[in-house]
């Protein structure tokens, strides 16, 4: 029999993508607004660096914590973009942010520990923690706090569920696009430090913002744990490379875990990724496209009766309230995929309690596809 720890909820967006791909393979035209995957490739300089590394010969394992030169470049990035000094020794390169979550969860939490998670939020937090034997505790956020977690909400949660061993936030957030300001981030970090909780910050949508400024939890102190990725801003999803910055006392425990679980991050991806930090001009052009896509959907979806959205200040998602159209967003998305040829993700993926009245639309693709998707939804809902 499969283990009890394997009995976690599916990552619904991947199920949606599988069905969308099946329909596409059968000849259907599908607009993909389900997966948070940039439509643009990695920058040309990154691809050239990868090609050069392939031609140079065998690719060996690197240190379990990653190439020293890449760790140093990541640390330098925080000084350039956030004006925060980071010791390269605290940087851990990982096989995507997914590996970073596994490593930090294992290093910080024992089986049975309670970890507070804002809901709606990225479902893999919840499912990975459960697979590791931890107890994810959902903390409902919504319009009353601009979809952001607050120290007060954490205190109320502890009064109901008992002490939390850690709290994980995301800014910009998936699926809402909500962002924390520097004072909000600092308040959360200080609250966790005073209470003896681990404070983890998912910052994988860094630099993908629309007017607001992205901040880092490192501003809250050296005890904060930051998880980041090359997948989103740097358009390197399939390269499977991320990183985490951890307090000094966690470096060796995480190194031991990484040695045994992953040996090392992908060597080719690490070599190429060093070039990504110098390609911000081209990458910011991608963000400008996301902004156009965001504006297009905010303008066109209301014409189909979908008009109530979370802030979408960052990342590349619209989290839409569809309660006027359905109380079963999973069924709504299935029907929309099969009848309109538009793939989107039901909100229950991100919020098992209140997500049945929400749908997440990803606008990371091409603008022409966003326009076609909006047209199809309008035709489907307002024939």
Protein backbone atom coordinates (compact mmCIF):
# COMPACT_ATOMS: atom_id res chain seq x y z
CA UNK A 1 0.00 0.00 0.00
CA UNK A 2 1.17 3.58 -0.61
CA UNK A 3 2.36 5.41 2.48
CA UNK A 4 0.01 7.67 4.41
CA UNK A 5 2.35 10.60 3.78
CA UNK A 6 1.78 10.24 0.03
CA UNK A 7 -1.94 10.84 0.46
CA UNK A 8 -1.82 14.58 -0.28
CA UNK A 9 -4.15 16.65 -2.41
CA UNK A 10 -3.24 16.96 -6.08
CA UNK A 11 -1.77 20.19 -7.41
CA UNK A 12 -4.92 20.95 -9.38
CA UNK A 13 -3.29 23.32 -11.84
CA UNK A 14 -1.16 20.43 -13.12
CA UNK A 15 -4.30 18.33 -13.61
CA UNK A 16 -5.86 21.22 -15.55
CA UNK A 17 -2.73 21.54 -17.68
CA UNK A 18 -2.71 17.81 -18.41
CA UNK A 19 -6.31 17.93 -19.66
CA UNK A 20 -5.62 21.11 -21.66
CA UNK A 21 -2.62 19.43 -23.27
CA UNK A 22 -4.71 16.35 -24.07
CA UNK A 23 -7.33 18.47 -25.82
CA UNK A 24 -4.60 20.36 -27.67
CA UNK A 25 -2.99 17.11 -28.84
CA UNK A 26 -6.41 16.05 -30.14
CA UNK A 27 -6.55 19.16 -32.32
CA UNK A 28 -8.36 21.67 -30.10
CA UNK A 29 -7.18 25.27 -29.85
CA UNK A 30 -6.53 25.99 -26.17
CA UNK A 31 -5.59 29.29 -24.54
CA UNK A 32 -3.34 28.50 -21.57
CA UNK A 33 -4.15 30.77 -18.63
CA UNK A 34 -3.73 28.00 -16.07
CA UNK A 35 0.01 27.67 -15.44
CA UNK A 36 2.28 30.41 -14.08
CA UNK A 37 4.87 30.00 -16.79
CA UNK A 38 6.44 32.92 -18.68
CA UNK A 39 5.75 32.89 -22.39
CA UNK A 40 9.20 34.27 -23.18
CA UNK A 41 12.38 32.14 -23.22
CA UNK A 42 15.37 32.65 -20.97
CA UNK A 43 17.53 35.60 -22.12
CA UNK A 44 19.75 34.90 -25.10
CA UNK A 45 22.93 35.40 -23.07
CA UNK A 46 21.75 32.71 -20.64
CA UNK A 47 21.03 30.29 -23.46
CA UNK A 48 24.43 31.01 -25.04
CA UNK A 49 26.19 30.36 -21.74
CA UNK A 50 24.36 27.05 -21.42
CA UNK A 51 25.27 26.04 -24.97
CA UNK A 52 28.93 26.93 -24.39
CA UNK A 53 28.97 24.84 -21.20
CA UNK A 54 27.50 21.87 -23.06
CA UNK A 55 30.16 22.12 -25.76
CA UNK A 56 32.96 22.34 -23.18
CA UNK A 57 32.65 18.70 -22.14
CA UNK A 58 31.38 16.72 -19.18
CA UNK A 59 29.23 18.43 -16.58
CA UNK A 60 30.23 17.28 -13.12
CA UNK A 61 28.45 17.61 -9.80
CA UNK A 62 28.92 20.91 -8.03
CA UNK A 63 29.08 21.48 -4.28
CA UNK A 64 25.79 20.54 -2.63
CA UNK A 65 25.23 24.22 -1.80
CA UNK A 66 25.90 25.29 -5.39
CA UNK A 67 28.68 26.88 -7.41
CA UNK A 68 30.60 29.37 -5.24
CA UNK A 69 30.56 31.93 -8.06
CA UNK A 70 26.76 31.72 -8.40
CA UNK A 71 26.27 31.95 -4.64
CA UNK A 72 28.41 35.08 -4.63
CA UNK A 73 26.46 36.56 -7.54
CA UNK A 74 23.14 35.93 -5.81
CA UNK A 75 24.45 37.61 -2.66
CA UNK A 76 25.60 40.60 -4.72
CA UNK A 77 22.14 40.88 -6.26
CA UNK A 78 20.63 41.66 -2.85
CA UNK A 79 23.02 44.56 -2.44
CA UNK A 80 22.23 45.86 -5.92
CA UNK A 81 18.45 45.52 -5.83
CA UNK A 82 17.55 45.66 -2.13
CA UNK A 83 20.58 47.40 -0.58
CA UNK A 84 20.99 44.47 1.82
CA UNK A 85 24.37 42.90 2.59
CA UNK A 86 24.26 39.11 2.32
CA UNK A 87 27.14 36.76 3.10
CA UNK A 88 27.49 34.31 0.17
CA UNK A 89 27.99 31.57 2.75
CA UNK A 90 24.29 31.92 3.65
CA UNK A 91 23.15 31.32 0.05
CA UNK A 92 22.02 27.83 -0.90
CA UNK A 93 21.39 27.07 -4.58
CA UNK A 94 18.64 24.51 -5.12
CA UNK A 95 16.85 22.54 -7.83
CA UNK A 96 14.09 25.10 -8.22
CA UNK A 97 12.29 26.76 -5.33
CA UNK A 98 10.52 23.43 -4.76
CA UNK A 99 13.77 21.89 -3.49
CA UNK A 100 14.37 25.01 -1.41
CA UNK A 101 11.02 24.51 0.33
CA UNK A 102 11.76 20.85 1.05
CA UNK A 103 15.20 21.66 2.47
CA UNK A 104 14.06 24.57 4.63
CA UNK A 105 10.97 22.75 5.88
CA UNK A 106 13.11 19.76 6.88
CA UNK A 107 15.72 21.98 8.53
CA UNK A 108 13.21 24.07 10.48
CA UNK A 109 10.34 21.77 11.40
CA UNK A 110 9.86 18.40 13.04
CA UNK A 111 6.93 16.10 12.38
CA UNK A 112 3.84 17.52 14.04
CA UNK A 113 5.03 21.13 14.02
CA UNK A 114 2.42 23.73 13.09
CA UNK A 115 3.19 26.14 10.24
CA UNK A 116 0.94 29.10 9.49
CA UNK A 117 0.09 29.71 5.83
CA UNK A 118 -2.03 32.51 4.35
CA UNK A 119 -5.03 31.25 2.40
CA UNK A 120 -5.43 31.67 -0.50
CA UNK A 121 -1.85 30.61 -1.13
CA UNK A 122 0.37 28.33 -3.18
CA UNK A 123 -0.97 24.78 -2.59
CA UNK A 124 2.42 23.05 -2.66
CA UNK A 125 3.30 24.71 0.68
CA UNK A 126 0.42 22.90 2.33
CA UNK A 127 0.86 19.60 0.52
CA UNK A 128 4.64 19.43 0.97
CA UNK A 129 4.37 20.16 4.68
CA UNK A 130 1.77 17.42 5.07
CA UNK A 131 3.95 14.93 3.18
CA UNK A 132 6.76 15.76 5.62
CA UNK A 133 4.50 15.09 8.60
CA UNK A 134 3.97 18.72 9.57
CA UNK A 135 0.65 20.43 10.30
CA UNK A 136 -0.12 23.33 7.91
CA UNK A 137 -2.51 25.80 9.52
CA UNK A 138 -4.44 27.97 7.09
CA UNK A 139 -4.85 31.66 7.98
CA UNK A 140 -7.64 33.27 5.98
CA UNK A 141 -6.75 36.60 4.34
CA UNK A 142 -9.02 38.72 2.19
CA UNK A 143 -10.06 42.22 1.19
CA UNK A 144 -10.22 43.41 4.80
CA UNK A 145 -6.38 43.22 5.03
CA UNK A 146 -5.70 43.73 1.30
CA UNK A 147 -5.14 39.97 1.09
CA UNK A 148 -2.05 40.25 3.31
CA UNK A 149 -1.11 38.41 6.51
CA UNK A 150 -0.78 40.51 9.67
CA UNK A 151 0.67 39.84 13.16
CA UNK A 152 -2.86 40.19 14.55
CA UNK A 153 -4.14 37.39 12.31
CA UNK A 154 -1.25 35.19 13.45
CA UNK A 155 -2.08 35.85 17.11
CA UNK A 156 -5.74 34.99 16.54
CA UNK A 157 -4.72 31.78 14.81
CA UNK A 158 -2.48 30.78 17.71
CA UNK A 159 -5.28 31.49 20.17
CA UNK A 160 -7.40 28.95 18.25
CA UNK A 161 -4.84 26.35 17.13
CA UNK A 162 -1.95 26.68 19.58
CA UNK A 163 1.59 27.95 19.06
CA UNK A 164 2.87 28.06 15.51
CA UNK A 165 6.43 26.87 14.94
CA UNK A 166 6.71 29.00 11.82
CA UNK A 167 4.93 31.27 9.37
CA UNK A 168 5.37 31.42 5.61
CA UNK A 169 4.36 34.44 3.52
CA UNK A 170 4.68 35.27 -0.17
CA UNK A 171 5.15 38.70 -1.73
CA UNK A 172 4.12 39.09 -4.49
CA UNK A 173 1.59 36.39 -3.74
CA UNK A 174 0.33 33.51 -5.81
CA UNK A 175 -2.62 33.56 -6.58
CA UNK A 176 -3.68 37.09 -5.56
CA UNK A 177 -0.73 39.23 -6.63
CA UNK A 178 -0.94 41.00 -3.25
CA UNK A 179 2.29 42.53 -1.97
CA UNK A 180 3.66 43.36 1.46
CA UNK A 181 5.15 46.79 2.08
CA UNK A 182 8.46 47.10 3.91
CA UNK A 183 6.75 48.06 7.21
CA UNK A 184 4.37 45.09 6.87
CA UNK A 185 7.24 42.69 6.18
CA UNK A 186 9.25 44.04 9.10
CA UNK A 187 6.25 43.78 11.43
CA UNK A 188 5.78 40.12 10.52
CA UNK A 189 9.49 39.39 10.93
CA UNK A 190 9.65 41.11 14.32
CA UNK A 191 6.49 39.32 15.48
CA UNK A 192 7.96 35.94 14.59
CA UNK A 193 11.32 36.72 16.17
CA UNK A 194 9.68 37.80 19.43
CA UNK A 195 7.51 34.66 19.51
CA UNK A 196 10.31 32.26 18.57
CA UNK A 197 8.76 31.27 15.24
CA UNK A 198 10.62 30.66 12.02
CA UNK A 199 9.76 33.32 9.41
CA UNK A 200 9.90 32.18 5.78
CA UNK A 201 9.31 34.45 2.80
CA UNK A 202 8.59 33.21 -0.72
CA UNK A 203 9.88 35.91 -3.06
CA UNK A 204 9.92 34.02 -6.37
CA UNK A 205 7.91 36.74 -8.15
CA UNK A 206 10.46 39.40 -7.25
CA UNK A 207 10.71 42.25 -9.78
CA UNK A 208 7.36 41.36 -11.38
CA UNK A 209 5.40 44.32 -10.05
CA UNK A 210 3.03 47.01 -11.35
CA UNK A 211 3.77 50.20 -9.47
CA UNK A 212 4.50 48.79 -6.01
CA UNK A 213 8.07 48.10 -4.85
CA UNK A 214 9.11 44.53 -4.12
CA UNK A 215 10.69 44.11 -0.70
CA UNK A 216 12.63 41.30 0.92
CA UNK A 217 12.27 39.71 4.33
CA UNK A 218 16.02 40.13 4.75
CA UNK A 219 15.15 43.70 5.73
CA UNK A 220 13.50 42.16 8.79
CA UNK A 221 16.76 40.63 10.02
CA UNK A 222 19.22 37.78 9.52
CA UNK A 223 16.84 35.21 11.04
CA UNK A 224 14.42 35.49 8.13
CA UNK A 225 14.53 32.72 5.51
CA UNK A 226 14.09 33.86 1.91
CA UNK A 227 13.23 31.51 -0.94
CA UNK A 228 13.61 32.64 -4.54
CA UNK A 229 13.79 31.23 -8.04
CA UNK A 230 15.07 31.75 -11.55
CA UNK A 231 11.76 30.46 -12.95
CA UNK A 232 9.56 33.55 -13.04
CA UNK A 233 11.35 36.87 -13.62
CA UNK A 234 14.29 35.17 -15.35
CA UNK A 235 12.02 32.96 -17.52
CA UNK A 236 13.92 29.77 -16.60
CA UNK A 237 11.10 27.46 -15.45
CA UNK A 238 12.41 24.34 -17.17
CA UNK A 239 15.96 24.96 -15.98
CA UNK A 240 14.80 24.02 -12.45
CA UNK A 241 16.97 26.36 -10.41
CA UNK A 242 16.26 28.37 -7.29
CA UNK A 243 17.90 29.48 -4.09
CA UNK A 244 17.34 30.12 -0.42
CA UNK A 245 19.08 32.47 2.00
CA UNK A 246 19.14 31.12 5.52
CA UNK A 247 20.52 32.04 8.93
CA UNK A 248 24.10 30.90 9.45
CA UNK A 249 23.07 28.19 11.93
CA UNK A 250 20.99 26.45 9.21
CA UNK A 251 23.68 26.33 6.51
CA UNK A 252 25.37 23.10 7.61
CA UNK A 253 22.12 21.23 8.42
CA UNK A 254 20.75 22.17 4.99
CA UNK A 255 24.02 21.19 3.34
CA UNK A 256 23.80 17.73 4.91
CA UNK A 257 20.21 17.36 3.74
CA UNK A 258 21.05 18.57 0.23
CA UNK A 259 23.99 16.16 -0.04
CA UNK A 260 21.72 13.22 0.68
CA UNK A 261 18.51 14.29 -1.05
CA UNK A 262 19.74 16.03 -4.20
CA UNK A 263 23.60 15.69 -4.32
CA UNK A 264 23.76 19.05 -6.10
CA UNK A 265 21.64 21.47 -8.14
CA UNK A 266 21.75 21.15 -11.95
CA UNK A 267 25.26 22.14 -13.07
CA UNK A 268 24.31 23.40 -16.54
CA UNK A 269 21.56 25.61 -15.12
CA UNK A 270 23.92 27.08 -12.52
CA UNK A 271 26.55 28.01 -15.09
CA UNK A 272 23.99 29.70 -17.32
CA UNK A 273 22.11 31.42 -14.49
CA UNK A 274 25.04 33.65 -13.56
CA UNK A 275 24.41 35.57 -16.76
CA UNK A 276 20.75 36.19 -15.93
CA UNK A 277 21.50 38.94 -13.42
CA UNK A 278 22.99 41.09 -16.17
CA UNK A 279 19.93 40.83 -18.43
CA UNK A 280 17.46 42.99 -16.51
CA UNK A 281 16.76 45.33 -19.44
CA UNK A 282 15.41 42.50 -21.58
CA UNK A 283 13.65 40.90 -18.63
CA UNK A 284 11.93 44.16 -17.69
CA UNK A 285 10.52 44.20 -21.22
CA UNK A 286 8.77 40.92 -20.33
CA UNK A 287 7.28 42.56 -17.24
CA UNK A 288 6.00 45.36 -19.49
CA UNK A 289 4.20 42.69 -21.55
CA UNK A 290 2.69 41.22 -18.38
CA UNK A 291 1.45 44.70 -17.49
CA UNK A 292 -0.24 44.99 -20.89
CA UNK A 293 -1.81 41.56 -20.42
CA UNK A 294 -3.00 42.50 -16.94
CA UNK A 295 -4.59 45.72 -18.21
CA UNK A 296 -6.24 43.87 -21.09
CA UNK A 297 -7.85 41.25 -18.85
CA UNK A 298 -8.91 43.84 -16.26
CA UNK A 299 -10.62 45.70 -19.09
CA UNK A 300 -12.15 42.77 -20.99
CA UNK A 301 -13.15 40.20 -18.36
CA UNK A 302 -15.73 42.52 -16.75
CA UNK A 303 -17.53 42.51 -20.11
CA UNK A 304 -18.13 38.79 -19.46
CA UNK A 305 -19.39 39.41 -15.92
CA UNK A 306 -16.07 38.70 -14.17
CA UNK A 307 -15.28 42.00 -12.49
CA UNK A 308 -14.12 41.46 -8.89
CA UNK A 309 -10.38 40.82 -8.47
CA UNK A 310 -7.73 40.66 -5.77
CA UNK A 311 -5.12 43.47 -6.06
CA UNK A 312 -2.76 41.90 -8.65
CA UNK A 313 -0.02 44.38 -7.68
CA UNK A 314 2.64 41.81 -8.56
CA UNK A 315 3.21 38.33 -10.07
CA UNK A 316 1.16 37.50 -13.18
CA UNK A 317 -2.22 36.34 -11.95
CA UNK A 318 -5.75 37.61 -11.58
CA UNK A 319 -7.64 35.99 -8.70
CA UNK A 320 -11.23 36.54 -9.72
CA UNK A 321 -14.42 36.26 -7.68
CA UNK A 322 -16.89 34.29 -9.83
CA UNK A 323 -19.53 33.82 -7.12
CA UNK A 324 -22.11 35.61 -9.27
CA UNK A 325 -21.62 32.94 -11.90
CA UNK A 326 -21.02 29.76 -9.88
CA UNK A 327 -20.44 28.31 -6.43
CA UNK A 328 -18.30 25.50 -7.93
CA UNK A 329 -15.27 26.99 -9.64
CA UNK A 330 -13.83 23.53 -10.40
CA UNK A 331 -16.86 22.66 -12.51
CA UNK A 332 -16.82 26.18 -13.98
CA UNK A 333 -13.18 25.77 -15.09
CA UNK A 334 -13.80 22.32 -16.54
CA UNK A 335 -16.72 23.58 -18.57
CA UNK A 336 -14.83 26.68 -19.69
CA UNK A 337 -11.94 24.52 -20.87
CA UNK A 338 -14.11 22.13 -22.87
CA UNK A 339 -16.64 24.63 -24.23
CA UNK A 340 -14.57 27.83 -24.63
CA UNK A 341 -11.09 26.38 -25.01
CA UNK A 342 -9.69 28.48 -22.15
CA UNK A 343 -7.71 26.80 -19.37
CA UNK A 344 -7.72 28.44 -15.91
CA UNK A 345 -7.28 27.18 -12.35
CA UNK A 346 -10.10 26.81 -9.79
CA UNK A 347 -9.56 28.69 -6.56
CA UNK A 348 -9.92 25.55 -4.43
CA UNK A 349 -6.33 24.76 -5.39
CA UNK A 350 -5.25 27.78 -3.35
CA UNK A 351 -7.93 27.91 -0.67
CA UNK A 352 -9.74 24.69 0.28
CA UNK A 353 -12.25 26.65 2.38
CA UNK A 354 -13.27 29.69 0.34
CA UNK A 355 -11.72 29.04 -3.04
CA UNK A 356 -14.78 27.44 -4.62
CA UNK A 357 -15.99 30.88 -5.66
CA UNK A 358 -12.70 31.99 -7.23
CA UNK A 359 -10.74 31.34 -10.42
CA UNK A 360 -7.08 32.17 -11.08
CA UNK A 361 -6.13 33.43 -14.53
CA UNK A 362 -2.43 33.52 -15.44
CA UNK A 363 -1.47 36.35 -17.78
CA UNK A 364 2.16 35.28 -18.27
CA UNK A 365 1.64 34.35 -21.92
CA UNK A 366 1.52 36.37 -25.12
CA UNK A 367 -0.78 39.38 -25.38
CA UNK A 368 -2.52 38.01 -28.45
CA UNK A 369 -3.42 34.87 -26.50
CA UNK A 370 -4.81 36.97 -23.64
CA UNK A 371 -6.99 38.88 -26.10
CA UNK A 372 -8.24 35.67 -27.69
CA UNK A 373 -8.94 34.12 -24.30
CA UNK A 374 -10.94 37.16 -23.19
CA UNK A 375 -12.90 37.08 -26.45
CA UNK A 376 -13.73 33.39 -25.98
CA UNK A 377 -14.84 33.91 -22.38
CA UNK A 378 -17.05 36.82 -23.41
CA UNK A 379 -18.62 34.75 -26.16
CA UNK A 380 -19.09 31.79 -23.78
CA UNK A 381 -20.64 33.75 -20.91
CA UNK A 382 -22.53 36.37 -22.91
CA UNK A 383 -23.49 34.65 -26.18
